Structure formats: structure tokens, C-alpha cells
C-alpha atoms as a PDB file:
ATOM      1  CA  MET A   1    -120.709 197.946   2.660  1.00  0.00           C
ATOM      2  CA  PRO A   2    -121.854 194.355   3.552  1.00  0.00           C
ATOM      3  CA  ALA A   3    -119.571 192.460   5.769  1.00  0.00           C
ATOM      4  CA  ASP A   4    -118.797 189.840   3.109  1.00  0.00           C
ATOM      5  CA  ARG A   5    -116.082 190.514   0.831  1.00  0.00           C
ATOM      6  CA  PRO A   6    -117.120 192.036  -2.593  1.00  0.00           C
ATOM      7  CA  ALA A   7    -117.271 189.635  -5.349  1.00  0.00           C
ATOM      8  CA  ARG A   8    -114.605 190.239  -8.027  1.00  0.00           C
ATOM      9  CA  LEU A   9    -115.859 190.974 -11.588  1.00  0.00           C
ATOM     10  CA  ALA A  10    -114.475 187.732 -12.948  1.00  0.00           C
ATOM     11  CA  GLU A  11    -116.562 185.848 -10.447  1.00  0.00           C
ATOM     12  CA  MET A  12    -119.940 187.404 -11.266  1.00  0.00           C
ATOM     13  CA  PRO A  13    -121.989 184.982 -13.618  1.00  0.00           C
ATOM     14  CA  PHE A  14    -122.969 187.920 -15.943  1.00  0.00           C
ATOM     15  CA  HIS A  15    -123.465 185.376 -18.888  1.00  0.00           C
ATOM     16  CA  ARG A  16    -126.121 183.739 -16.833  1.00  0.00           C
ATOM     17  CA  LEU A  17    -128.301 186.719 -16.078  1.00  0.00           C
ATOM     18  CA  ASP A  18    -132.131 186.153 -16.887  1.00  0.00           C
ATOM     19  CA  PRO A  19    -132.716 188.333 -19.880  1.00  0.00           C
ATOM     20  CA  GLN A  20    -136.244 188.997 -18.735  1.00  0.00           C
ATOM     21  CA  ARG A  21    -135.214 190.585 -15.447  1.00  0.00           C
ATOM     22  CA  PRO A  22    -133.632 194.225 -15.461  1.00  0.00           C
ATOM     23  CA  VAL A  23    -130.098 194.559 -14.590  1.00  0.00           C
ATOM     24  CA  LEU A  24    -129.428 197.514 -12.083  1.00  0.00           C
ATOM     25  CA  ILE A  25    -125.870 198.901 -11.744  1.00  0.00           C
ATOM     26  CA  ALA A  26    -125.111 201.602  -9.191  1.00  0.00           C
ATOM     27  CA  GLY A  27    -121.768 203.059  -8.273  1.00  0.00           C
ATOM     28  CA  PRO A  28    -119.927 206.210  -7.568  1.00  0.00           C
ATOM     29  CA  THR A  29    -118.779 208.519 -10.103  1.00  0.00           C
ATOM     30  CA  ALA A  30    -115.869 207.414 -12.151  1.00  0.00           C
ATOM     31  CA  SER A  31    -116.238 203.854 -10.885  1.00  0.00           C
ATOM     32  CA  GLY A  32    -116.595 202.117 -14.224  1.00  0.00           C
ATOM     33  CA  LYS A  33    -120.314 201.526 -14.114  1.00  0.00           C
ATOM     34  CA  SER A  34    -121.079 202.693 -17.541  1.00  0.00           C
ATOM     35  CA  ALA A  35    -118.331 200.350 -19.187  1.00  0.00           C
ATOM     36  CA  LEU A  36    -119.949 197.295 -17.258  1.00  0.00           C
ATOM     37  CA  ALA A  37    -123.395 198.145 -18.435  1.00  0.00           C
ATOM     38  CA  LEU A  38    -122.231 198.386 -22.014  1.00  0.00           C
ATOM     39  CA  ASP A  39    -120.587 194.981 -21.633  1.00  0.00           C
ATOM     40  CA  ILE A  40    -123.662 193.368 -20.255  1.00  0.00           C
ATOM     41  CA  ALA A  41    -125.852 195.200 -22.776  1.00  0.00           C
ATOM     42  CA  GLU A  42    -123.952 193.963 -25.778  1.00  0.00           C
ATOM     43  CA  ARG A  43    -123.514 190.385 -24.551  1.00  0.00           C
ATOM     44  CA  GLN A  44    -127.307 190.024 -24.052  1.00  0.00           C
ATOM     45  CA  GLY A  45    -128.900 192.361 -26.675  1.00  0.00           C
ATOM     46  CA  ARG A  46    -130.199 194.640 -23.897  1.00  0.00           C
ATOM     47  CA  ALA A  47    -130.597 198.426 -24.069  1.00  0.00           C
ATOM     48  CA  ILE A  48    -129.129 200.803 -21.587  1.00  0.00           C
ATOM     49  CA  VAL A  49    -131.454 203.154 -19.557  1.00  0.00           C
ATOM     50  CA  ASN A  50    -129.830 206.117 -17.630  1.00  0.00           C
ATOM     51  CA  ALA A  51    -130.292 206.500 -13.826  1.00  0.00           C
ATOM     52  CA  ASP A  52    -128.152 209.582 -13.235  1.00  0.00           C
ATOM     53  CA  ALA A  53    -129.941 212.767 -12.194  1.00  0.00           C
ATOM     54  CA  LEU A  54    -127.667 215.054 -14.223  1.00  0.00           C
ATOM     55  CA  GLN A  55    -127.124 213.101 -17.240  1.00  0.00           C
ATOM     56  CA  VAL A  56    -130.881 213.535 -18.262  1.00  0.00           C
ATOM     57  CA  PHE A  57    -130.020 217.131 -19.188  1.00  0.00           C
ATOM     58  CA  ASP A  58    -129.041 218.058 -22.705  1.00  0.00           C
ATOM     59  CA  SER A  59    -126.871 221.006 -21.718  1.00  0.00           C
ATOM     60  CA  TRP A  60    -124.094 218.910 -20.180  1.00  0.00           C
ATOM     61  CA  ARG A  61    -122.780 215.987 -21.918  1.00  0.00           C
ATOM     62  CA  VAL A  62    -118.965 216.189 -21.165  1.00  0.00           C
ATOM     63  CA  LEU A  63    -119.054 217.269 -17.736  1.00  0.00           C
ATOM     64  CA  THR A  64    -121.620 214.751 -16.609  1.00  0.00           C
ATOM     65  CA  ALA A  65    -119.582 212.047 -18.256  1.00  0.00           C
ATOM     66  CA  ARG A  66    -122.419 210.800 -20.523  1.00  0.00           C
ATOM     67  CA  PRO A  67    -121.451 207.759 -22.573  1.00  0.00           C
ATOM     68  CA  PRO A  68    -119.609 208.803 -25.751  1.00  0.00           C
ATOM     69  CA  ARG A  69    -121.445 208.488 -28.999  1.00  0.00           C
ATOM     70  CA  ALA A  70    -119.271 205.503 -30.112  1.00  0.00           C
ATOM     71  CA  ASP A  71    -120.900 203.693 -27.082  1.00  0.00           C
ATOM     72  CA  GLU A  72    -124.301 204.863 -28.050  1.00  0.00           C
ATOM     73  CA  ALA A  73    -123.901 203.506 -31.549  1.00  0.00           C
ATOM     74  CA  ARG A  74    -123.124 200.007 -30.089  1.00  0.00           C
ATOM     75  CA  VAL A  75    -126.273 199.548 -28.152  1.00  0.00           C
ATOM     76  CA  PRO A  76    -129.444 201.780 -27.716  1.00  0.00           C
ATOM     77  CA  HIS A  77    -129.086 204.352 -24.930  1.00  0.00           C
ATOM     78  CA  HIS A  78    -132.199 206.150 -23.479  1.00  0.00           C
ATOM     79  CA  LEU A  79    -133.100 208.883 -20.824  1.00  0.00           C
ATOM     80  CA  TYR A  80    -129.713 210.638 -21.678  1.00  0.00           C
ATOM     81  CA  GLY A  81    -129.875 214.300 -22.580  1.00  0.00           C
ATOM     82  CA  HIS A  82    -133.773 214.175 -23.203  1.00  0.00           C
ATOM     83  CA  VAL A  83    -134.580 217.203 -20.786  1.00  0.00           C
ATOM     84  CA  PRO A  84    -133.896 220.759 -21.586  1.00  0.00           C
ATOM     85  CA  GLY A  85    -131.215 222.429 -19.322  1.00  0.00           C
ATOM     86  CA  HIS A  86    -133.628 224.900 -18.127  1.00  0.00           C
ATOM     87  CA  ALA A  87    -136.308 222.536 -17.168  1.00  0.00           C
ATOM     88  CA  PRO A  88    -137.043 220.979 -13.737  1.00  0.00           C
ATOM     89  CA  TYR A  89    -136.852 217.334 -13.399  1.00  0.00           C
ATOM     90  CA  SER A  90    -137.760 214.850 -10.554  1.00  0.00           C
ATOM     91  CA  VAL A  91    -137.351 211.395  -9.531  1.00  0.00           C
ATOM     92  CA  GLY A  92    -141.199 210.876 -10.251  1.00  0.00           C
ATOM     93  CA  ALA A  93    -140.701 212.180 -13.723  1.00  0.00           C
ATOM     94  CA  TRP A  94    -137.711 209.615 -14.161  1.00  0.00           C
ATOM     95  CA  LEU A  95    -139.867 206.761 -12.950  1.00  0.00           C
ATOM     96  CA  ALA A  96    -142.600 207.735 -15.495  1.00  0.00           C
ATOM     97  CA  ASP A  97    -140.047 208.161 -18.360  1.00  0.00           C
ATOM     98  CA  LEU A  98    -138.563 204.806 -17.388  1.00  0.00           C
ATOM     99  CA  GLU A  99    -141.803 202.867 -17.385  1.00  0.00           C
ATOM    100  CA  PRO A 100    -142.121 201.904 -20.993  1.00  0.00           C
ATOM    101  CA  PHE A 101    -138.661 200.471 -20.956  1.00  0.00           C
ATOM    102  CA  LEU A 102    -139.410 198.074 -18.078  1.00  0.00           C
ATOM    103  CA  ALA A 103    -141.679 196.213 -20.247  1.00  0.00           C
ATOM    104  CA  ARG A 104    -139.315 195.490 -23.172  1.00  0.00           C
ATOM    105  CA  SER A 105    -137.703 192.173 -23.752  1.00  0.00           C
ATOM    106  CA  PRO A 106    -134.857 191.688 -23.153  1.00  0.00           C
ATOM    107  CA  ALA A 107    -135.072 193.914 -20.065  1.00  0.00           C
ATOM    108  CA  PRO A 108    -132.806 196.895 -20.035  1.00  0.00           C
ATOM    109  CA  VAL A 109    -129.600 197.574 -18.037  1.00  0.00           C
ATOM    110  CA  ILE A 110    -130.391 200.555 -15.659  1.00  0.00           C
ATOM    111  CA  VAL A 111    -127.121 202.350 -14.712  1.00  0.00           C
ATOM    112  CA  GLY A 112    -126.397 205.416 -12.729  1.00  0.00           C
ATOM    113  CA  GLY A 113    -125.206 206.934  -9.576  1.00  0.00           C
ATOM    114  CA  THR A 114    -128.223 208.567  -8.149  1.00  0.00           C
ATOM    115  CA  GLY A 115    -129.229 206.427  -5.299  1.00  0.00           C
ATOM    116  CA  LEU A 116    -132.612 208.148  -4.908  1.00  0.00           C
ATOM    117  CA  TYR A 117    -133.589 206.883  -8.302  1.00  0.00           C
ATOM    118  CA  PHE A 118    -132.840 203.356  -7.323  1.00  0.00           C
ATOM    119  CA  SER A 119    -134.500 203.482  -4.228  1.00  0.00           C
ATOM    120  CA  ALA A 120    -137.582 204.990  -5.634  1.00  0.00           C
ATOM    121  CA  LEU A 121    -137.543 202.232  -8.272  1.00  0.00           C
ATOM    122  CA  THR A 122    -137.012 199.237  -5.869  1.00  0.00           C
ATOM    123  CA  GLU A 123    -138.556 200.550  -2.686  1.00  0.00           C
ATOM    124  CA  GLY A 124    -141.276 202.819  -3.695  1.00  0.00           C
ATOM    125  CA  LEU A 125    -141.582 206.591  -4.323  1.00  0.00           C
ATOM    126  CA  THR A 126    -142.815 208.860  -1.537  1.00  0.00           C
ATOM    127  CA  ARG A 127    -145.877 210.864  -2.886  1.00  0.00           C
ATOM    128  CA  THR A 128    -145.646 214.462  -1.533  1.00  0.00           C
ATOM    129  CA  PRO A 129    -147.670 217.562  -2.602  1.00  0.00           C
ATOM    130  CA  GLU A 130    -146.025 219.966  -4.841  1.00  0.00           C
ATOM    131  CA  VAL A 131    -143.895 222.616  -3.252  1.00  0.00           C
ATOM    132  CA  PRO A 132    -145.325 226.204  -4.172  1.00  0.00           C
ATOM    133  CA  PRO A 133    -142.854 228.352  -5.773  1.00  0.00           C
ATOM    134  CA  GLU A 134    -142.799 230.935  -2.947  1.00  0.00           C
ATOM    135  CA  ILE A 135    -141.750 228.368  -0.520  1.00  0.00           C
ATOM    136  CA  ARG A 136    -138.976 227.153  -2.923  1.00  0.00           C
ATOM    137  CA  ALA A 137    -137.831 230.624  -3.317  1.00  0.00           C
ATOM    138  CA  GLU A 138    -137.824 231.113   0.508  1.00  0.00           C
ATOM    139  CA  ALA A 139    -135.884 227.714   0.874  1.00  0.00           C
ATOM    140  CA  ASP A 140    -133.420 229.072  -1.772  1.00  0.00           C
ATOM    141  CA  THR A 141    -132.844 232.418   0.036  1.00  0.00           C
ATOM    142  CA  ARG A 142    -132.484 230.597   3.510  1.00  0.00           C
ATOM    143  CA  LEU A 143    -129.866 228.095   2.183  1.00  0.00           C
ATOM    144  CA  ALA A 144    -127.831 230.816   0.515  1.00  0.00           C
ATOM    145  CA  ARG A 145    -128.155 233.251   3.355  1.00  0.00           C
ATOM    146  CA  ASP A 146    -127.899 230.959   6.584  1.00  0.00           C
ATOM    147  CA  GLY A 147    -126.399 227.865   5.476  1.00  0.00           C
ATOM    148  CA  LEU A 148    -127.209 224.291   5.803  1.00  0.00           C
ATOM    149  CA  GLY A 149    -127.088 223.958   9.572  1.00  0.00           C
ATOM    150  CA  THR A 150    -130.026 226.310  10.310  1.00  0.00           C
ATOM    151  CA  MET A 151    -132.320 224.617   7.845  1.00  0.00           C
ATOM    152  CA  LEU A 152    -131.503 221.165   9.176  1.00  0.00           C
ATOM    153  CA  ALA A 153    -132.223 222.278  12.793  1.00  0.00           C
ATOM    154  CA  GLU A 154    -135.666 223.060  11.870  1.00  0.00           C
ATOM    155  CA  ILE A 155    -136.478 219.642  10.369  1.00  0.00           C
ATOM    156  CA  ASP A 156    -138.221 217.068  12.523  1.00  0.00           C
ATOM    157  CA  THR A 157    -136.015 214.632  14.201  1.00  0.00           C
ATOM    158  CA  ALA A 158    -137.400 211.584  12.426  1.00  0.00           C
ATOM    159  CA  THR A 159    -136.541 212.980   9.010  1.00  0.00           C
ATOM    160  CA  ARG A 160    -133.325 214.266  10.216  1.00  0.00           C
ATOM    161  CA  SER A 161    -132.280 210.687  11.097  1.00  0.00           C
ATOM    162  CA  ARG A 162    -133.038 209.623   7.596  1.00  0.00           C
ATOM    163  CA  ILE A 163    -131.532 211.950   5.248  1.00  0.00           C
ATOM    164  CA  ASP A 164    -128.154 212.694   4.212  1.00  0.00           C
ATOM    165  CA  ALA A 165    -127.398 215.700   6.280  1.00  0.00           C
ATOM    166  CA  ALA A 166    -124.513 216.682   4.284  1.00  0.00           C
ATOM    167  CA  ASN A 167    -126.450 217.014   1.157  1.00  0.00           C
ATOM    168  CA  PRO A 168    -128.023 220.553   0.672  1.00  0.00           C
ATOM    169  CA  ALA A 169    -130.507 219.377  -1.915  1.00  0.00           C
ATOM    170  CA  ARG A 170    -131.928 216.702   0.474  1.00  0.00           C
ATOM    171  CA  VAL A 171    -132.039 218.869   3.456  1.00  0.00           C
ATOM    172  CA  GLN A 172    -133.781 221.719   1.352  1.00  0.00           C
ATOM    173  CA  ARG A 173    -136.217 219.170  -0.034  1.00  0.00           C
ATOM    174  CA  ALA A 174    -137.088 217.859   3.658  1.00  0.00           C
ATOM    175  CA  TRP A 175    -137.366 221.543   4.802  1.00  0.00           C
ATOM    176  CA  GLU A 176    -139.807 222.219   1.852  1.00  0.00           C
ATOM    177  CA  VAL A 177    -141.857 219.482   2.557  1.00  0.00           C
ATOM    178  CA  LEU A 178    -142.273 220.272   6.319  1.00  0.00           C
ATOM    179  CA  ARG A 179    -142.947 223.899   5.475  1.00  0.00           C
ATOM    180  CA  THR A 180    -145.508 222.934   2.766  1.00  0.00           C
ATOM    181  CA  THR A 181    -147.520 220.420   4.562  1.00  0.00           C
ATOM    182  CA  GLY A 182    -146.879 220.586   8.163  1.00  0.00           C
ATOM    183  CA  ARG A 183    -145.739 216.958   8.177  1.00  0.00           C
ATOM    184  CA  GLY A 184    -142.059 215.589   8.124  1.00  0.00           C
ATOM    185  CA  LEU A 185    -140.860 213.724   5.170  1.00  0.00           C
ATOM    186  CA  ALA A 186    -140.317 210.833   7.222  1.00  0.00           C
ATOM    187  CA  ALA A 187    -144.192 210.592   7.871  1.00  0.00           C
ATOM    188  CA  TRP A 188    -144.860 210.799   4.066  1.00  0.00           C
ATOM    189  CA  GLN A 189    -142.141 208.130   3.537  1.00  0.00           C
ATOM    190  CA  ASP A 190    -143.934 205.864   5.824  1.00  0.00           C
ATOM    191  CA  GLU A 191    -146.947 205.829   3.658  1.00  0.00           C
ATOM    192  CA  THR A 192    -144.889 204.970   0.401  1.00  0.00           C
ATOM    193  CA  PRO A 193    -146.813 202.678  -2.010  1.00  0.00           C
ATOM    194  CA  PRO A 194    -145.254 199.313  -3.262  1.00  0.00           C
ATOM    195  CA  PRO A 195    -142.338 199.673  -5.492  1.00  0.00           C
ATOM    196  CA  ARG A 196    -142.542 199.382  -9.262  1.00  0.00           C
ATOM    197  CA  LEU A 197    -139.568 196.832  -9.442  1.00  0.00           C
ATOM    198  CA  PRO A 198    -138.993 195.024  -6.259  1.00  0.00           C
ATOM    199  CA  LEU A 199    -135.452 194.027  -5.700  1.00  0.00           C
ATOM    200  CA  ALA A 200    -136.241 190.248  -5.993  1.00  0.00           C
ATOM    201  CA  ARG A 201    -137.386 190.895  -9.640  1.00  0.00           C
ATOM    202  CA  ALA A 202    -134.128 192.433 -10.763  1.00  0.00           C
ATOM    203  CA  HIS A 203    -130.277 191.609 -10.767  1.00  0.00           C
ATOM    204  CA  ALA A 204    -128.980 194.404  -8.783  1.00  0.00           C
ATOM    205  CA  PHE A 205    -125.149 195.216  -8.494  1.00  0.00           C
ATOM    206  CA  VAL A 206    -123.277 197.989  -6.578  1.00  0.00           C
ATOM    207  CA  ILE A 207    -119.687 198.634  -7.548  1.00  0.00           C
ATOM    208  CA  ASP A 208    -117.552 199.006  -4.547  1.00  0.00           C
ATOM    209  CA  ALA A 209    -114.948 201.645  -5.334  1.00  0.00           C
ATOM    210  CA  PRO A 210    -112.381 202.390  -2.412  1.00  0.00           C
ATOM    211  CA  ARG A 211    -111.326 206.081  -2.122  1.00  0.00           C
ATOM    212  CA  GLU A 212    -107.765 205.371  -2.771  1.00  0.00           C
ATOM    213  CA  TRP A 213    -108.546 203.624  -5.982  1.00  0.00           C
ATOM    214  CA  LEU A 214    -111.209 206.128  -7.053  1.00  0.00           C
ATOM    215  CA  THR A 215    -109.430 209.419  -6.433  1.00  0.00           C
ATOM    216  CA  PRO A 216    -106.805 209.008  -9.372  1.00  0.00           C
ATOM    217  CA  ARG A 217    -109.558 208.035 -11.637  1.00  0.00           C
ATOM    218  CA  ILE A 218    -111.588 211.081 -10.830  1.00  0.00           C
ATOM    219  CA  GLU A 219    -108.572 213.305 -11.556  1.00  0.00           C
ATOM    220  CA  ARG A 220    -107.706 211.518 -14.817  1.00  0.00           C
ATOM    221  CA  ARG A 221    -111.363 211.797 -15.944  1.00  0.00           C
ATOM    222  CA  LEU A 222    -111.368 215.753 -15.164  1.00  0.00           C
ATOM    223  CA  ALA A 223    -108.267 216.038 -17.234  1.00  0.00           C
ATOM    224  CA  GLN A 224    -109.862 214.019 -20.089  1.00  0.00           C
ATOM    225  CA  MET A 225    -112.886 216.222 -19.950  1.00  0.00           C
ATOM    226  CA  VAL A 226    -110.911 219.262 -20.510  1.00  0.00           C
ATOM    227  CA  GLU A 227    -109.286 217.475 -23.388  1.00  0.00           C
ATOM    228  CA  THR A 228    -112.734 216.544 -25.017  1.00  0.00           C
ATOM    229  CA  GLY A 229    -114.518 219.667 -24.977  1.00  0.00           C
ATOM    230  CA  ALA A 230    -115.436 220.710 -21.322  1.00  0.00           C
ATOM    231  CA  LEU A 231    -114.397 224.388 -21.749  1.00  0.00           C
ATOM    232  CA  GLU A 232    -116.175 224.616 -24.897  1.00  0.00           C
ATOM    233  CA  GLU A 233    -119.338 223.058 -23.210  1.00  0.00           C
ATOM    234  CA  ALA A 234    -119.002 225.570 -20.426  1.00  0.00           C
ATOM    235  CA  ALA A 235    -118.768 228.486 -22.817  1.00  0.00           C
ATOM    236  CA  ALA A 236    -121.981 227.418 -24.437  1.00  0.00           C
ATOM    237  CA  ASN A 237    -123.854 227.319 -21.319  1.00  0.00           C
ATOM    238  CA  SER A 238    -122.377 230.265 -19.583  1.00  0.00           C
ATOM    239  CA  ALA A 239    -124.735 232.970 -20.835  1.00  0.00           C
ATOM    240  CA  GLY A 240    -127.832 231.412 -19.078  1.00  0.00           C
ATOM    241  CA  PHE A 241    -125.956 229.350 -16.369  1.00  0.00           C
ATOM    242  CA  ASP A 242    -127.929 229.338 -13.066  1.00  0.00           C
ATOM    243  CA  PRO A 243    -126.456 227.120 -10.203  1.00  0.00           C
ATOM    244  CA  ALA A 244    -129.959 226.919  -8.638  1.00  0.00           C
ATOM    245  CA  ARG A 245    -131.291 224.813 -11.504  1.00  0.00           C
ATOM    246  CA  PRO A 246    -131.069 220.988 -11.303  1.00  0.00           C
ATOM    247  CA  SER A 247    -128.844 221.113 -14.406  1.00  0.00           C
ATOM    248  CA  GLY A 248    -126.590 223.758 -12.859  1.00  0.00           C
ATOM    249  CA  LYS A 249    -125.440 221.335 -10.339  1.00  0.00           C
ATOM    250  CA  ALA A 250    -123.160 219.414 -12.719  1.00  0.00           C
ATOM    251  CA  ILE A 251    -119.785 219.348 -11.074  1.00  0.00           C
ATOM    252  CA  GLY A 252    -117.254 221.545 -12.628  1.00  0.00           C
ATOM    253  CA  ALA A 253    -119.868 223.671 -14.419  1.00  0.00           C
ATOM    254  CA  GLU A 254    -119.684 226.523 -11.930  1.00  0.00           C
ATOM    255  CA  GLU A 255    -115.728 226.330 -11.839  1.00  0.00           C
ATOM    256  CA  LEU A 256    -115.138 226.295 -15.395  1.00  0.00           C
ATOM    257  CA  ILE A 257    -117.430 229.049 -16.152  1.00  0.00           C
ATOM    258  CA  ALA A 258    -115.803 231.061 -13.327  1.00  0.00           C
ATOM    259  CA  TYR A 259    -112.394 230.421 -15.170  1.00  0.00           C
ATOM    260  CA  LEU A 260    -113.880 231.569 -18.435  1.00  0.00           C
ATOM    261  CA  ARG A 261    -115.066 234.789 -16.849  1.00  0.00           C
ATOM    262  CA  GLY A 262    -111.597 235.393 -15.266  1.00  0.00           C
ATOM    263  CA  ASP A 263    -112.616 234.601 -11.799  1.00  0.00           C
ATOM    264  CA  LEU A 264    -110.482 231.528 -11.417  1.00  0.00           C
ATOM    265  CA  SER A 265    -107.308 230.098 -13.032  1.00  0.00           C
ATOM    266  CA  LEU A 266    -107.801 227.030 -14.767  1.00  0.00           C
ATOM    267  CA  GLU A 267    -105.634 225.057 -12.126  1.00  0.00           C
ATOM    268  CA  ALA A 268    -107.877 226.488  -9.368  1.00  0.00           C
ATOM    269  CA  ALA A 269    -111.071 225.589 -11.186  1.00  0.00           C
ATOM    270  CA  LEU A 270    -109.931 222.060 -11.678  1.00  0.00           C
ATOM    271  CA  ASP A 271    -108.916 221.651  -8.183  1.00  0.00           C
ATOM    272  CA  ARG A 272    -112.215 222.870  -6.997  1.00  0.00           C
ATOM    273  CA  ALA A 273    -114.023 220.471  -9.240  1.00  0.00           C
ATOM    274  CA  ALA A 274    -111.784 217.507  -8.142  1.00  0.00           C
ATOM    275  CA  ILE A 275    -112.504 218.320  -4.336  1.00  0.00           C
ATOM    276  CA  ARG A 276    -116.392 218.603  -5.232  1.00  0.00           C
ATOM    277  CA  THR A 277    -116.130 215.383  -7.140  1.00  0.00           C
ATOM    278  CA  ARG A 278    -114.460 213.489  -4.332  1.00  0.00           C
ATOM    279  CA  GLN A 279    -116.956 214.824  -1.789  1.00  0.00           C
ATOM    280  CA  TYR A 280    -119.854 213.744  -4.173  1.00  0.00           C
ATOM    281  CA  ALA A 281    -118.388 210.269  -4.363  1.00  0.00           C
ATOM    282  CA  LYS A 282    -118.288 209.981  -0.730  1.00  0.00           C
ATOM    283  CA  ARG A 283    -121.834 210.848  -0.460  1.00  0.00           C
ATOM    284  CA  GLN A 284    -122.557 208.285  -2.914  1.00  0.00           C
ATOM    285  CA  ARG A 285    -120.685 205.649  -1.254  1.00  0.00           C
ATOM    286  CA  THR A 286    -122.231 206.550   2.062  1.00  0.00           C
ATOM    287  CA  TRP A 287    -125.759 206.138   0.528  1.00  0.00           C
ATOM    288  CA  PHE A 288    -125.063 202.813  -1.278  1.00  0.00           C
ATOM    289  CA  ARG A 289    -123.682 201.308   2.138  1.00  0.00           C
ATOM    290  CA  ALA A 290    -126.534 202.477   4.050  1.00  0.00           C
ATOM    291  CA  ARG A 291    -129.450 201.685   1.505  1.00  0.00           C
ATOM    292  CA  MET A 292    -128.031 198.890  -0.525  1.00  0.00           C
ATOM    293  CA  GLN A 293    -127.293 196.205   1.696  1.00  0.00           C
ATOM    294  CA  GLY A 294    -129.506 193.729  -0.275  1.00  0.00           C
ATOM    295  CA  TRP A 295    -127.646 194.348  -3.632  1.00  0.00           C
ATOM    296  CA  THR A 296    -124.758 192.330  -5.003  1.00  0.00           C
ATOM    297  CA  TRP A 297    -121.408 194.249  -4.409  1.00  0.00           C
ATOM    298  CA  ILE A 298    -118.747 194.182  -7.075  1.00  0.00           C
ATOM    299  CA  ASP A 299    -115.037 194.569  -6.480  1.00  0.00           C
ATOM    300  CA  GLY A 300    -114.407 197.792  -8.621  1.00  0.00           C
ATOM    301  CA  THR A 301    -110.711 197.335  -8.594  1.00  0.00           C
ATOM    302  CA  ALA A 302    -111.148 193.967 -10.766  1.00  0.00           C
ATOM    303  CA  ARG A 303    -109.004 194.173 -13.782  1.00  0.00           C
ATOM    304  CA  ALA A 304    -111.836 194.304 -16.312  1.00  0.00           C
ATOM    305  CA  LEU A 305    -113.131 197.461 -14.728  1.00  0.00           C
ATOM    306  CA  ALA A 306    -109.824 199.059 -14.644  1.00  0.00           C
ATOM    307  CA  GLY A 307    -109.917 200.729 -18.021  1.00  0.00           C
ATOM    308  CA  GLY A 308    -113.552 202.075 -17.714  1.00  0.00           C
ATOM    309  CA  VAL A 309    -114.682 205.500 -16.566  1.00  0.00           C
END
């Protein structure tokens, strides 16, 4: 996080935002970013566009904390649940889907917790060749059999220094690129074309969410998910569930399906989901602090955010 103390929400001049410049809102899970996006969109007549890699899938509405239908009725929401759960989806596909909305007036509010989406938008997208299915299958097998460390050790030093070494998806992606092309991901990144939306042409905000403040919010939201249909959603998806699919990485999906199959108690399933969610939030905070120094940081503990999830 930048050395300066994050601005409190009340100090942010949201009413003076240029309606022709997109508003970007990033933040860890359960930090209140969707509530803030809705507030800004309503005040300025903007639409909201999703920048969360799991909320794009139609199979998990509750467990990915997509905005409720009541919020969707208040302002237009786009790129939520528009991809079938069995389909692949990439950051390049998201940028292509986002493109028509960038030309709208007023410009949209783009909100989510996927740092890679925001970096591709504001820093440029690295263009790498498609990974052949047989290499993807080899990588899946290697990761399941040998774990993260072995695969990470085979990645070139330059790439290893840039990626989130604790994130299996990022490590596997880097390994696949090297295996496919013979060049490290870092070398491809160095040839990245100009960004579609340079940061200077947007209003960019990151919600700072301290761990001790965020943890109880995560636990409350998991309980709310169960109350509002998470178990029914898990049951509907259990027959074709594949944790290797992008949509299968929704936190809580594997745990609740294990409960429904009798492999875990509900308490154990929710405990595991809470742990994974806290770990995910930690990775998000680490990414934001490393990659979003030029964004405006907002104090997530401000009263106006306290009720949002």
C-alpha cells in the first residue's frame, strides 16, 4: 500500500468524477466494492461492468457474490453470468467483451477483484500463443501429482520474480507458456503492446481492507450465502462439477459439494471455505499493493462502506 494514509470515503470527491472517464474500482473479496460501484453508477447515470474472473460464469451466482437482482434493477450491469460454466474464458476474451462499453457515455464503472483484468486493461495485455491441449493436460497432471513447488522451480528466474508464486493458476500459466514456446512469460510481457485504457484516462480506486476488518465480513458473507441459496446452487452444479474448470474455482463450490455428497460436515465445509477465502483475499491485497501504487487508495473501514459486501 502507498505510504500515504488511504483517503476515507467521505473525503473522496465522487460527485466530481468526470462522466466521460471510466471509473475503476478494485478491492479484495467482501470489501464493499460492489456497493461503492452502485452508489457511483446511480449518482452519475453510469452502467456497471464486471471485472471479476469468476462472476462471468452463469453457474455460480450466490457463491461468487454477484450483485443481487435488486441492484441489477437499479442500474444496468454487464458481463455478469454471460459465460457458460463449462466454457473457458480468458483475460483477452474479457477485454474484447469490455470494448463496446468503453465507448459509452457516460463511461462505465468497472468493478471487481481480479487484478490481472485491471492490469491488462491499464498496462496492456501480453500476447502469448495458445497453449496446446496436450500441454495443458500435462500441466494439470503435474500440478496435481507433484504440487506447486516442482513446477515453480522449472520456470525461468525472470518470470518467477514477477508472478504470484503462491497462486497455482499463475504458476501453471507461466509453466505452460515456457513449455509451449521455449520463452519465459517475462520475455513475452516485455513485448506487451500499449494498454487499451491508460491509467491517466480513468478514475482508479483501490479499497484498502485490513485483515482484521475484512475477516468477520468474510465469515458473515459465507453465512449469508448459505441462507440465500448456496446449498441449492451447489446441488444444481454437483453433477457436472469439475474443479479444473475456470468456473470450478469458485470458493466454496468444492466444499459445499463435498458436504452434499456426505464427505464433509456443513461446519467443516464452511470452515474450509472461510480459510480459502481469507487466503484469496490475502493474495488480492498483495497484488494490489505491488501493482496498483498509482491508483487512489480508499479506506475500506469508512462508515459508508461498512454495510456493503
